[in-house]
mmCIF file of all heavy atoms, coordinates in Angstrom:
data_MODEL
# 
_entry.id   MODEL 
# 
loop_
_atom_site.group_PDB 
_atom_site.id 
_atom_site.type_symbol 
_atom_site.label_atom_id 
_atom_site.label_alt_id 
_atom_site.label_comp_id 
_atom_site.label_asym_id 
_atom_site.label_entity_id 
_atom_site.label_seq_id 
_atom_site.pdbx_PDB_ins_code 
_atom_site.Cartn_x 
_atom_site.Cartn_y 
_atom_site.Cartn_z 
_atom_site.occupancy 
_atom_site.B_iso_or_equiv 
_atom_site.pdbx_formal_charge 
_atom_site.auth_seq_id 
_atom_site.auth_comp_id 
_atom_site.auth_asym_id 
_atom_site.auth_atom_id 
_atom_site.pdbx_PDB_model_num 
ATOM 1   N N   . ALA A 1 1  ? 12.872  6.803   0.384  1.00 0.00 ? 1  ALA A N   1 
ATOM 2   C CA  . ALA A 1 1  ? 11.323  6.673   0.288  1.00 0.00 ? 1  ALA A CA  1 
ATOM 3   C C   . ALA A 1 1  ? 10.783  5.894   1.351  1.00 0.00 ? 1  ALA A C   1 
ATOM 4   O O   . ALA A 1 1  ? 11.365  5.050   2.000  1.00 0.00 ? 1  ALA A O   1 
ATOM 5   C CB  . ALA A 1 1  ? 11.057  6.042   -1.096 1.00 0.00 ? 1  ALA A CB  1 
ATOM 6   N N   . GLN A 1 2  ? 9.472   6.166   1.596  1.00 0.00 ? 2  GLN A N   1 
ATOM 7   C CA  . GLN A 1 2  ? 8.716   5.390   2.527  1.00 0.00 ? 2  GLN A CA  1 
ATOM 8   C C   . GLN A 1 2  ? 8.208   4.109   1.782  1.00 0.00 ? 2  GLN A C   1 
ATOM 9   O O   . GLN A 1 2  ? 8.054   4.164   0.517  1.00 0.00 ? 2  GLN A O   1 
ATOM 10  C CB  . GLN A 1 2  ? 7.468   6.117   2.988  1.00 0.00 ? 2  GLN A CB  1 
ATOM 11  C CG  . GLN A 1 2  ? 7.757   7.346   3.832  1.00 0.00 ? 2  GLN A CG  1 
ATOM 12  C CD  . GLN A 1 2  ? 6.560   8.166   4.287  1.00 0.00 ? 2  GLN A CD  1 
ATOM 13  O OE1 . GLN A 1 2  ? 5.531   7.973   3.631  1.00 0.00 ? 2  GLN A OE1 1 
ATOM 14  N NE2 . GLN A 1 2  ? 6.659   8.973   5.214  1.00 0.00 ? 2  GLN A NE2 1 
ATOM 15  N N   . GLY A 1 3  ? 7.995   3.057   2.452  1.00 0.00 ? 3  GLY A N   1 
ATOM 16  C CA  . GLY A 1 3  ? 7.493   1.837   1.849  1.00 0.00 ? 3  GLY A CA  1 
ATOM 17  C C   . GLY A 1 3  ? 6.204   1.437   2.555  1.00 0.00 ? 3  GLY A C   1 
ATOM 18  O O   . GLY A 1 3  ? 5.623   2.129   3.445  1.00 0.00 ? 3  GLY A O   1 
ATOM 19  N N   . MET A 1 4  ? 5.629   0.213   2.215  1.00 0.00 ? 4  MET A N   1 
ATOM 20  C CA  . MET A 1 4  ? 4.422   -0.171  2.720  1.00 0.00 ? 4  MET A CA  1 
ATOM 21  C C   . MET A 1 4  ? 4.307   -1.748  2.638  1.00 0.00 ? 4  MET A C   1 
ATOM 22  O O   . MET A 1 4  ? 4.861   -2.317  1.802  1.00 0.00 ? 4  MET A O   1 
ATOM 23  C CB  . MET A 1 4  ? 3.222   0.470   2.155  1.00 0.00 ? 4  MET A CB  1 
ATOM 24  C CG  . MET A 1 4  ? 2.849   -0.009  0.685  1.00 0.00 ? 4  MET A CG  1 
ATOM 25  S SD  . MET A 1 4  ? 1.300   0.623   0.217  1.00 0.00 ? 4  MET A SD  1 
ATOM 26  C CE  . MET A 1 4  ? 1.289   -0.013  -1.500 1.00 0.00 ? 4  MET A CE  1 
ATOM 27  N N   . HIS A 1 5  ? 3.489   -2.265  3.592  1.00 0.00 ? 5  HIS A N   1 
ATOM 28  C CA  . HIS A 1 5  ? 3.066   -3.642  3.441  1.00 0.00 ? 5  HIS A CA  1 
ATOM 29  C C   . HIS A 1 5  ? 1.511   -3.645  3.374  1.00 0.00 ? 5  HIS A C   1 
ATOM 30  O O   . HIS A 1 5  ? 0.870   -2.848  4.081  1.00 0.00 ? 5  HIS A O   1 
ATOM 31  C CB  . HIS A 1 5  ? 3.529   -4.425  4.609  1.00 0.00 ? 5  HIS A CB  1 
ATOM 32  C CG  . HIS A 1 5  ? 4.913   -4.581  4.782  1.00 0.00 ? 5  HIS A CG  1 
ATOM 33  N ND1 . HIS A 1 5  ? 5.835   -5.030  3.798  1.00 0.00 ? 5  HIS A ND1 1 
ATOM 34  C CD2 . HIS A 1 5  ? 5.749   -4.281  5.919  1.00 0.00 ? 5  HIS A CD2 1 
ATOM 35  C CE1 . HIS A 1 5  ? 7.115   -5.024  4.286  1.00 0.00 ? 5  HIS A CE1 1 
ATOM 36  N NE2 . HIS A 1 5  ? 7.120   -4.556  5.464  1.00 0.00 ? 5  HIS A NE2 1 
ATOM 37  N N   . LEU A 1 6  ? 0.970   -4.535  2.585  1.00 0.00 ? 6  LEU A N   1 
ATOM 38  C CA  . LEU A 1 6  ? -0.490  -4.791  2.539  1.00 0.00 ? 6  LEU A CA  1 
ATOM 39  C C   . LEU A 1 6  ? -0.697  -6.229  2.750  1.00 0.00 ? 6  LEU A C   1 
ATOM 40  O O   . LEU A 1 6  ? -0.158  -7.121  1.942  1.00 0.00 ? 6  LEU A O   1 
ATOM 41  C CB  . LEU A 1 6  ? -1.081  -4.271  1.169  1.00 0.00 ? 6  LEU A CB  1 
ATOM 42  C CG  . LEU A 1 6  ? -1.373  -2.800  1.099  1.00 0.00 ? 6  LEU A CG  1 
ATOM 43  C CD1 . LEU A 1 6  ? -1.927  -2.564  -0.350 1.00 0.00 ? 6  LEU A CD1 1 
ATOM 44  C CD2 . LEU A 1 6  ? -2.576  -2.442  2.030  1.00 0.00 ? 6  LEU A CD2 1 
ATOM 45  N N   . ILE A 1 7  ? -1.377  -6.600  3.717  1.00 0.00 ? 7  ILE A N   1 
ATOM 46  C CA  . ILE A 1 7  ? -1.676  -7.991  4.128  1.00 0.00 ? 7  ILE A CA  1 
ATOM 47  C C   . ILE A 1 7  ? -3.127  -8.221  4.234  1.00 0.00 ? 7  ILE A C   1 
ATOM 48  O O   . ILE A 1 7  ? -3.761  -7.473  5.103  1.00 0.00 ? 7  ILE A O   1 
ATOM 49  C CB  . ILE A 1 7  ? -0.935  -8.466  5.280  1.00 0.00 ? 7  ILE A CB  1 
ATOM 50  C CG1 . ILE A 1 7  ? 0.557   -8.248  5.123  1.00 0.00 ? 7  ILE A CG1 1 
ATOM 51  C CG2 . ILE A 1 7  ? -1.174  -9.894  5.589  1.00 0.00 ? 7  ILE A CG2 1 
ATOM 52  C CD1 . ILE A 1 7  ? 1.440   -8.403  6.349  1.00 0.00 ? 7  ILE A CD1 1 
ATOM 53  N N   . SER A 1 8  ? -3.733  -9.147  3.654  1.00 0.00 ? 8  SER A N   1 
ATOM 54  C CA  . SER A 1 8  ? -5.225  -9.384  3.795  1.00 0.00 ? 8  SER A CA  1 
ATOM 55  C C   . SER A 1 8  ? -5.477  -9.923  5.231  1.00 0.00 ? 8  SER A C   1 
ATOM 56  O O   . SER A 1 8  ? -4.685  -10.659 5.786  1.00 0.00 ? 8  SER A O   1 
ATOM 57  C CB  . SER A 1 8  ? -5.628  -10.512 2.805  1.00 0.00 ? 8  SER A CB  1 
ATOM 58  O OG  . SER A 1 8  ? -7.053  -10.891 2.985  1.00 0.00 ? 8  SER A OG  1 
ATOM 59  N N   . THR A 1 9  ? -6.566  -9.418  5.763  1.00 0.00 ? 9  THR A N   1 
ATOM 60  C CA  . THR A 1 9  ? -6.900  -9.862  7.109  1.00 0.00 ? 9  THR A CA  1 
ATOM 61  C C   . THR A 1 9  ? -8.062  -10.836 7.065  1.00 0.00 ? 9  THR A C   1 
ATOM 62  O O   . THR A 1 9  ? -8.594  -11.216 8.126  1.00 0.00 ? 9  THR A O   1 
ATOM 63  C CB  . THR A 1 9  ? -7.495  -8.642  7.984  1.00 0.00 ? 9  THR A CB  1 
ATOM 64  O OG1 . THR A 1 9  ? -8.565  -8.000  7.286  1.00 0.00 ? 9  THR A OG1 1 
ATOM 65  C CG2 . THR A 1 9  ? -6.314  -7.566  8.079  1.00 0.00 ? 9  THR A CG2 1 
ATOM 66  N N   . LYS A 1 10 ? -8.232  -11.489 5.881  1.00 0.00 ? 10 LYS A N   1 
ATOM 67  C CA  . LYS A 1 10 ? -9.348  -12.413 5.727  1.00 0.00 ? 10 LYS A CA  1 
ATOM 68  C C   . LYS A 1 10 ? -8.995  -13.723 6.459  1.00 0.00 ? 10 LYS A C   1 
ATOM 69  O O   . LYS A 1 10 ? -7.880  -14.228 6.287  1.00 0.00 ? 10 LYS A O   1 
ATOM 70  C CB  . LYS A 1 10 ? -9.652  -12.632 4.286  1.00 0.00 ? 10 LYS A CB  1 
ATOM 71  C CG  . LYS A 1 10 ? -10.977 -13.182 3.968  1.00 0.00 ? 10 LYS A CG  1 
ATOM 72  C CD  . LYS A 1 10 ? -11.186 -13.269 2.458  1.00 0.00 ? 10 LYS A CD  1 
ATOM 73  C CE  . LYS A 1 10 ? -12.653 -13.695 2.144  1.00 0.00 ? 10 LYS A CE  1 
ATOM 74  N NZ  . LYS A 1 10 ? -13.615 -12.705 2.576  1.00 0.00 ? 10 LYS A NZ  1 
ATOM 75  N N   . MET A 1 11 ? -9.864  -14.298 7.298  1.00 0.00 ? 11 MET A N   1 
ATOM 76  C CA  . MET A 1 11 ? -9.668  -15.481 7.967  1.00 0.00 ? 11 MET A CA  1 
ATOM 77  C C   . MET A 1 11 ? -10.704 -16.586 7.608  1.00 0.00 ? 11 MET A C   1 
ATOM 78  O O   . MET A 1 11 ? -10.626 -17.672 7.952  1.00 0.00 ? 11 MET A O   1 
ATOM 79  C CB  . MET A 1 11 ? -9.695  -15.341 9.460  1.00 0.00 ? 11 MET A CB  1 
ATOM 80  C CG  . MET A 1 11 ? -8.559  -14.477 10.038 1.00 0.00 ? 11 MET A CG  1 
ATOM 81  S SD  . MET A 1 11 ? -8.584  -14.322 11.823 1.00 0.00 ? 11 MET A SD  1 
ATOM 82  C CE  . MET A 1 11 ? -8.371  -15.903 12.324 1.00 0.00 ? 11 MET A CE  1 
ATOM 83  N N   . GLY A 1 12 ? -11.711 -16.216 6.919  1.00 0.00 ? 12 GLY A N   1 
ATOM 84  C CA  . GLY A 1 12 ? -12.720 -17.014 6.478  1.00 0.00 ? 12 GLY A CA  1 
ATOM 85  C C   . GLY A 1 12 ? -13.801 -16.196 5.630  1.00 0.00 ? 12 GLY A C   1 
ATOM 86  O O   . GLY A 1 12 ? -13.514 -15.093 5.321  1.00 0.00 ? 12 GLY A O   1 
ATOM 87  N N   . MET A 1 13 ? -14.961 -16.856 5.325  1.00 0.00 ? 13 MET A N   1 
ATOM 88  C CA  . MET A 1 13 ? -15.836 -16.180 4.399  1.00 0.00 ? 13 MET A CA  1 
ATOM 89  C C   . MET A 1 13 ? -16.375 -14.800 5.045  1.00 0.00 ? 13 MET A C   1 
ATOM 90  O O   . MET A 1 13 ? -16.472 -13.789 4.422  1.00 0.00 ? 13 MET A O   1 
ATOM 91  C CB  . MET A 1 13 ? -17.049 -17.035 4.200  1.00 0.00 ? 13 MET A CB  1 
ATOM 92  C CG  . MET A 1 13 ? -18.114 -16.430 3.159  1.00 0.00 ? 13 MET A CG  1 
ATOM 93  S SD  . MET A 1 13 ? -17.378 -16.276 1.534  1.00 0.00 ? 13 MET A SD  1 
ATOM 94  C CE  . MET A 1 13 ? -17.228 -17.879 0.957  1.00 0.00 ? 13 MET A CE  1 
ATOM 95  N N   . HIS A 1 14 ? -16.518 -14.858 6.420  1.00 0.00 ? 14 HIS A N   1 
ATOM 96  C CA  . HIS A 1 14 ? -17.114 -13.602 7.062  1.00 0.00 ? 14 HIS A CA  1 
ATOM 97  C C   . HIS A 1 14 ? -16.356 -13.241 8.269  1.00 0.00 ? 14 HIS A C   1 
ATOM 98  O O   . HIS A 1 14 ? -16.983 -12.784 9.244  1.00 0.00 ? 14 HIS A O   1 
ATOM 99  C CB  . HIS A 1 14 ? -18.541 -13.858 7.375  1.00 0.00 ? 14 HIS A CB  1 
ATOM 100 C CG  . HIS A 1 14 ? -19.471 -14.090 6.161  1.00 0.00 ? 14 HIS A CG  1 
ATOM 101 N ND1 . HIS A 1 14 ? -19.581 -13.117 5.189  1.00 0.00 ? 14 HIS A ND1 1 
ATOM 102 C CD2 . HIS A 1 14 ? -20.059 -15.236 5.755  1.00 0.00 ? 14 HIS A CD2 1 
ATOM 103 C CE1 . HIS A 1 14 ? -20.424 -13.715 4.256  1.00 0.00 ? 14 HIS A CE1 1 
ATOM 104 N NE2 . HIS A 1 14 ? -20.673 -14.948 4.624  1.00 0.00 ? 14 HIS A NE2 1 
ATOM 105 N N   . SER A 1 15 ? -15.100 -13.510 8.431  1.00 0.00 ? 15 SER A N   1 
ATOM 106 C CA  . SER A 1 15 ? -14.349 -13.184 9.543  1.00 0.00 ? 15 SER A CA  1 
ATOM 107 C C   . SER A 1 15 ? -12.941 -12.640 9.213  1.00 0.00 ? 15 SER A C   1 
ATOM 108 O O   . SER A 1 15 ? -12.315 -12.921 8.163  1.00 0.00 ? 15 SER A O   1 
ATOM 109 C CB  . SER A 1 15 ? -14.078 -14.433 10.505 1.00 0.00 ? 15 SER A CB  1 
ATOM 110 O OG  . SER A 1 15 ? -13.333 -15.480 9.788  1.00 0.00 ? 15 SER A OG  1 
ATOM 111 N N   . TRP A 1 16 ? -12.488 -11.667 10.129 1.00 0.00 ? 16 TRP A N   1 
ATOM 112 C CA  . TRP A 1 16 ? -11.295 -10.931 9.887  1.00 0.00 ? 16 TRP A CA  1 
ATOM 113 C C   . TRP A 1 16 ? -10.366 -11.002 11.143 1.00 0.00 ? 16 TRP A C   1 
ATOM 114 O O   . TRP A 1 16 ? -10.819 -11.366 12.192 1.00 0.00 ? 16 TRP A O   1 
ATOM 115 C CB  . TRP A 1 16 ? -11.605 -9.448  9.566  1.00 0.00 ? 16 TRP A CB  1 
ATOM 116 C CG  . TRP A 1 16 ? -12.705 -9.298  8.597  1.00 0.00 ? 16 TRP A CG  1 
ATOM 117 C CD1 . TRP A 1 16 ? -14.045 -9.101  8.814  1.00 0.00 ? 16 TRP A CD1 1 
ATOM 118 C CD2 . TRP A 1 16 ? -12.562 -9.539  7.134  1.00 0.00 ? 16 TRP A CD2 1 
ATOM 119 N NE1 . TRP A 1 16 ? -14.803 -9.161  7.536  1.00 0.00 ? 16 TRP A NE1 1 
ATOM 120 C CE2 . TRP A 1 16 ? -13.900 -9.363  6.555  1.00 0.00 ? 16 TRP A CE2 1 
ATOM 121 C CE3 . TRP A 1 16 ? -11.536 -9.640  6.327  1.00 0.00 ? 16 TRP A CE3 1 
ATOM 122 C CZ2 . TRP A 1 16 ? -14.071 -9.366  5.228  1.00 0.00 ? 16 TRP A CZ2 1 
ATOM 123 C CZ3 . TRP A 1 16 ? -11.689 -9.723  4.900  1.00 0.00 ? 16 TRP A CZ3 1 
ATOM 124 C CH2 . TRP A 1 16 ? -12.963 -9.611  4.435  1.00 0.00 ? 16 TRP A CH2 1 
ATOM 125 N N   . MET A 1 17 ? -9.068  -10.667 10.899 1.00 0.00 ? 17 MET A N   1 
ATOM 126 C CA  . MET A 1 17 ? -8.120  -10.665 11.992 1.00 0.00 ? 17 MET A CA  1 
ATOM 127 C C   . MET A 1 17 ? -8.237  -9.384  12.822 1.00 0.00 ? 17 MET A C   1 
ATOM 128 O O   . MET A 1 17 ? -7.203  -9.071  13.454 1.00 0.00 ? 17 MET A O   1 
ATOM 129 C CB  . MET A 1 17 ? -6.655  -10.825 11.401 1.00 0.00 ? 17 MET A CB  1 
ATOM 130 C CG  . MET A 1 17 ? -6.449  -12.235 10.816 1.00 0.00 ? 17 MET A CG  1 
ATOM 131 S SD  . MET A 1 17 ? -4.724  -12.475 10.263 1.00 0.00 ? 17 MET A SD  1 
ATOM 132 C CE  . MET A 1 17 ? -4.531  -11.165 9.127  1.00 0.00 ? 17 MET A CE  1 
ATOM 133 N N   . TYR A 1 18 ? -9.254  -8.758  12.778 1.00 0.00 ? 18 TYR A N   1 
ATOM 134 C CA  . TYR A 1 18 ? -9.377  -7.491  13.549 1.00 0.00 ? 18 TYR A CA  1 
ATOM 135 C C   . TYR A 1 18 ? -10.876 -7.480  14.062 1.00 0.00 ? 18 TYR A C   1 
ATOM 136 O O   . TYR A 1 18 ? -11.749 -8.004  13.408 1.00 0.00 ? 18 TYR A O   1 
ATOM 137 C CB  . TYR A 1 18 ? -8.973  -6.240  12.918 1.00 0.00 ? 18 TYR A CB  1 
ATOM 138 C CG  . TYR A 1 18 ? -9.936  -5.733  11.897 1.00 0.00 ? 18 TYR A CG  1 
ATOM 139 C CD1 . TYR A 1 18 ? -10.730 -4.696  12.084 1.00 0.00 ? 18 TYR A CD1 1 
ATOM 140 C CD2 . TYR A 1 18 ? -10.106 -6.376  10.643 1.00 0.00 ? 18 TYR A CD2 1 
ATOM 141 C CE1 . TYR A 1 18 ? -11.601 -4.168  11.065 1.00 0.00 ? 18 TYR A CE1 1 
ATOM 142 C CE2 . TYR A 1 18 ? -10.960 -5.964  9.675  1.00 0.00 ? 18 TYR A CE2 1 
ATOM 143 C CZ  . TYR A 1 18 ? -11.606 -4.804  9.873  1.00 0.00 ? 18 TYR A CZ  1 
ATOM 144 O OH  . TYR A 1 18 ? -12.510 -4.329  8.992  1.00 0.00 ? 18 TYR A OH  1 
ATOM 145 N N   . SER A 1 19 ? -11.142 -6.687  15.049 1.00 0.00 ? 19 SER A N   1 
ATOM 146 C CA  . SER A 1 19 ? -12.462 -6.546  15.502 1.00 0.00 ? 19 SER A CA  1 
ATOM 147 C C   . SER A 1 19 ? -13.157 -5.394  14.831 1.00 0.00 ? 19 SER A C   1 
ATOM 148 O O   . SER A 1 19 ? -12.723 -4.244  14.849 1.00 0.00 ? 19 SER A O   1 
ATOM 149 C CB  . SER A 1 19 ? -12.552 -6.194  17.054 1.00 0.00 ? 19 SER A CB  1 
ATOM 150 O OG  . SER A 1 19 ? -13.830 -5.824  17.491 1.00 0.00 ? 19 SER A OG  1 
ATOM 151 N N   . ASN A 1 20 ? -14.156 -5.727  14.009 1.00 0.00 ? 20 ASN A N   1 
ATOM 152 C CA  . ASN A 1 20 ? -14.683 -4.700  13.025 1.00 0.00 ? 20 ASN A CA  1 
ATOM 153 C C   . ASN A 1 20 ? -16.082 -4.322  13.502 1.00 0.00 ? 20 ASN A C   1 
ATOM 154 O O   . ASN A 1 20 ? -16.794 -3.703  12.773 1.00 0.00 ? 20 ASN A O   1 
ATOM 155 C CB  . ASN A 1 20 ? -14.787 -5.296  11.603 1.00 0.00 ? 20 ASN A CB  1 
ATOM 156 C CG  . ASN A 1 20 ? -15.686 -6.515  11.437 1.00 0.00 ? 20 ASN A CG  1 
ATOM 157 O OD1 . ASN A 1 20 ? -15.975 -7.232  12.430 1.00 0.00 ? 20 ASN A OD1 1 
ATOM 158 N ND2 . ASN A 1 20 ? -16.234 -6.727  10.291 1.00 0.00 ? 20 ASN A ND2 1 
ATOM 159 N N   . GLU A 1 21 ? -16.421 -4.634  14.729 1.00 0.00 ? 21 GLU A N   1 
ATOM 160 C CA  . GLU A 1 21 ? -17.745 -4.123  15.303 1.00 0.00 ? 21 GLU A CA  1 
ATOM 161 C C   . GLU A 1 21 ? -17.555 -2.704  15.836 1.00 0.00 ? 21 GLU A C   1 
ATOM 162 O O   . GLU A 1 21 ? -16.610 -2.348  16.436 1.00 0.00 ? 21 GLU A O   1 
ATOM 163 C CB  . GLU A 1 21 ? -18.182 -5.053  16.372 1.00 0.00 ? 21 GLU A CB  1 
ATOM 164 C CG  . GLU A 1 21 ? -18.581 -6.430  15.895 1.00 0.00 ? 21 GLU A CG  1 
ATOM 165 C CD  . GLU A 1 21 ? -19.143 -7.245  17.030 1.00 0.00 ? 21 GLU A CD  1 
ATOM 166 O OE1 . GLU A 1 21 ? -19.313 -6.741  18.139 1.00 0.00 ? 21 GLU A OE1 1 
ATOM 167 O OE2 . GLU A 1 21 ? -19.520 -8.468  16.807 1.00 0.00 ? 21 GLU A OE2 1 
ATOM 168 N N   . PHE A 1 22 ? -18.508 -1.924  15.431 1.00 0.00 ? 22 PHE A N   1 
ATOM 169 C CA  . PHE A 1 22 ? -18.537 -0.507  16.025 1.00 0.00 ? 22 PHE A CA  1 
ATOM 170 C C   . PHE A 1 22 ? -18.872 -0.421  17.483 1.00 0.00 ? 22 PHE A C   1 
ATOM 171 O O   . PHE A 1 22 ? -19.901 -1.011  17.875 1.00 0.00 ? 22 PHE A O   1 
ATOM 172 C CB  . PHE A 1 22 ? -19.468 0.296   15.191 1.00 0.00 ? 22 PHE A CB  1 
ATOM 173 C CG  . PHE A 1 22 ? -19.628 1.837   15.711 1.00 0.00 ? 22 PHE A CG  1 
ATOM 174 C CD1 . PHE A 1 22 ? -18.608 2.701   15.332 1.00 0.00 ? 22 PHE A CD1 1 
ATOM 175 C CD2 . PHE A 1 22 ? -20.682 2.227   16.455 1.00 0.00 ? 22 PHE A CD2 1 
ATOM 176 C CE1 . PHE A 1 22 ? -18.734 4.040   15.806 1.00 0.00 ? 22 PHE A CE1 1 
ATOM 177 C CE2 . PHE A 1 22 ? -20.712 3.499   16.867 1.00 0.00 ? 22 PHE A CE2 1 
ATOM 178 C CZ  . PHE A 1 22 ? -19.795 4.384   16.537 1.00 0.00 ? 22 PHE A CZ  1 
ATOM 179 N N   . ASN A 1 23 ? -17.990 0.114   18.276 1.00 0.00 ? 23 ASN A N   1 
ATOM 180 C CA  . ASN A 1 23 ? -18.252 0.295   19.720 1.00 0.00 ? 23 ASN A CA  1 
ATOM 181 C C   . ASN A 1 23 ? -18.832 1.686   19.970 1.00 0.00 ? 23 ASN A C   1 
ATOM 182 O O   . ASN A 1 23 ? -18.112 2.650   19.794 1.00 0.00 ? 23 ASN A O   1 
ATOM 183 C CB  . ASN A 1 23 ? -16.918 -0.002  20.548 1.00 0.00 ? 23 ASN A CB  1 
ATOM 184 C CG  . ASN A 1 23 ? -17.161 -0.094  21.967 1.00 0.00 ? 23 ASN A CG  1 
ATOM 185 O OD1 . ASN A 1 23 ? -17.936 0.788   22.516 1.00 0.00 ? 23 ASN A OD1 1 
ATOM 186 N ND2 . ASN A 1 23 ? -16.655 -1.058  22.661 1.00 0.00 ? 23 ASN A ND2 1 
ATOM 187 N N   . PRO A 1 24 ? -20.044 1.749   20.484 1.00 0.00 ? 24 PRO A N   1 
ATOM 188 C CA  . PRO A 1 24 ? -20.658 3.047   20.644 1.00 0.00 ? 24 PRO A CA  1 
ATOM 189 C C   . PRO A 1 24 ? -20.160 3.859   21.894 1.00 0.00 ? 24 PRO A C   1 
ATOM 190 O O   . PRO A 1 24 ? -20.746 4.901   22.258 1.00 0.00 ? 24 PRO A O   1 
ATOM 191 C CB  . PRO A 1 24 ? -22.130 2.774   20.765 1.00 0.00 ? 24 PRO A CB  1 
ATOM 192 C CG  . PRO A 1 24 ? -22.252 1.487   21.280 1.00 0.00 ? 24 PRO A CG  1 
ATOM 193 C CD  . PRO A 1 24 ? -20.980 0.680   20.804 1.00 0.00 ? 24 PRO A CD  1 
ATOM 194 N N   . SER A 1 25 ? -19.329 3.319   22.625 1.00 0.00 ? 25 SER A N   1 
ATOM 195 C CA  . SER A 1 25 ? -18.940 3.907   23.994 1.00 0.00 ? 25 SER A CA  1 
ATOM 196 C C   . SER A 1 25 ? -18.478 5.317   23.805 1.00 0.00 ? 25 SER A C   1 
ATOM 197 O O   . SER A 1 25 ? -17.734 5.579   22.864 1.00 0.00 ? 25 SER A O   1 
ATOM 198 C CB  . SER A 1 25 ? -17.916 3.086   24.684 1.00 0.00 ? 25 SER A CB  1 
ATOM 199 O OG  . SER A 1 25 ? -18.415 1.751   24.897 1.00 0.00 ? 25 SER A OG  1 
ATOM 200 N N   . PRO A 1 26 ? -18.749 6.126   24.757 1.00 0.00 ? 26 PRO A N   1 
ATOM 201 C CA  . PRO A 1 26 ? -18.140 7.580   24.725 1.00 0.00 ? 26 PRO A CA  1 
ATOM 202 C C   . PRO A 1 26 ? -16.733 7.507   25.184 1.00 0.00 ? 26 PRO A C   1 
ATOM 203 O O   . PRO A 1 26 ? -16.181 6.514   25.699 1.00 0.00 ? 26 PRO A O   1 
ATOM 204 C CB  . PRO A 1 26 ? -19.021 8.348   25.772 1.00 0.00 ? 26 PRO A CB  1 
ATOM 205 C CG  . PRO A 1 26 ? -19.440 7.194   26.699 1.00 0.00 ? 26 PRO A CG  1 
ATOM 206 C CD  . PRO A 1 26 ? -19.686 5.970   25.897 1.00 0.00 ? 26 PRO A CD  1 
ATOM 207 N N   . ARG A 1 27 ? -16.026 8.512   24.791 1.00 0.00 ? 27 ARG A N   1 
ATOM 208 C CA  . ARG A 1 27 ? -14.633 8.721   25.158 1.00 0.00 ? 27 ARG A CA  1 
ATOM 209 C C   . ARG A 1 27 ? -14.432 8.640   26.715 1.00 0.00 ? 27 ARG A C   1 
ATOM 210 O O   . ARG A 1 27 ? -15.218 9.274   27.491 1.00 0.00 ? 27 ARG A O   1 
ATOM 211 C CB  . ARG A 1 27 ? -14.077 10.010  24.705 1.00 0.00 ? 27 ARG A CB  1 
ATOM 212 C CG  . ARG A 1 27 ? -12.573 10.236  24.996 1.00 0.00 ? 27 ARG A CG  1 
ATOM 213 C CD  . ARG A 1 27 ? -12.116 11.633  24.351 1.00 0.00 ? 27 ARG A CD  1 
ATOM 214 N NE  . ARG A 1 27 ? -10.863 12.060  24.891 1.00 0.00 ? 27 ARG A NE  1 
ATOM 215 C CZ  . ARG A 1 27 ? -9.785  12.257  24.104 1.00 0.00 ? 27 ARG A CZ  1 
ATOM 216 N NH1 . ARG A 1 27 ? -9.841  11.914  22.885 1.00 0.00 ? 27 ARG A NH1 1 
ATOM 217 N NH2 . ARG A 1 27 ? -8.651  12.684  24.692 1.00 0.00 ? 27 ARG A NH2 1 
# 
């Protein structure tokens, strides 16, 4: 079987361990 990991990316009240801003740049 396949498995998985789920880890919270929460670093504070309003910050995350990834860049969650939408970048509008074209390909």
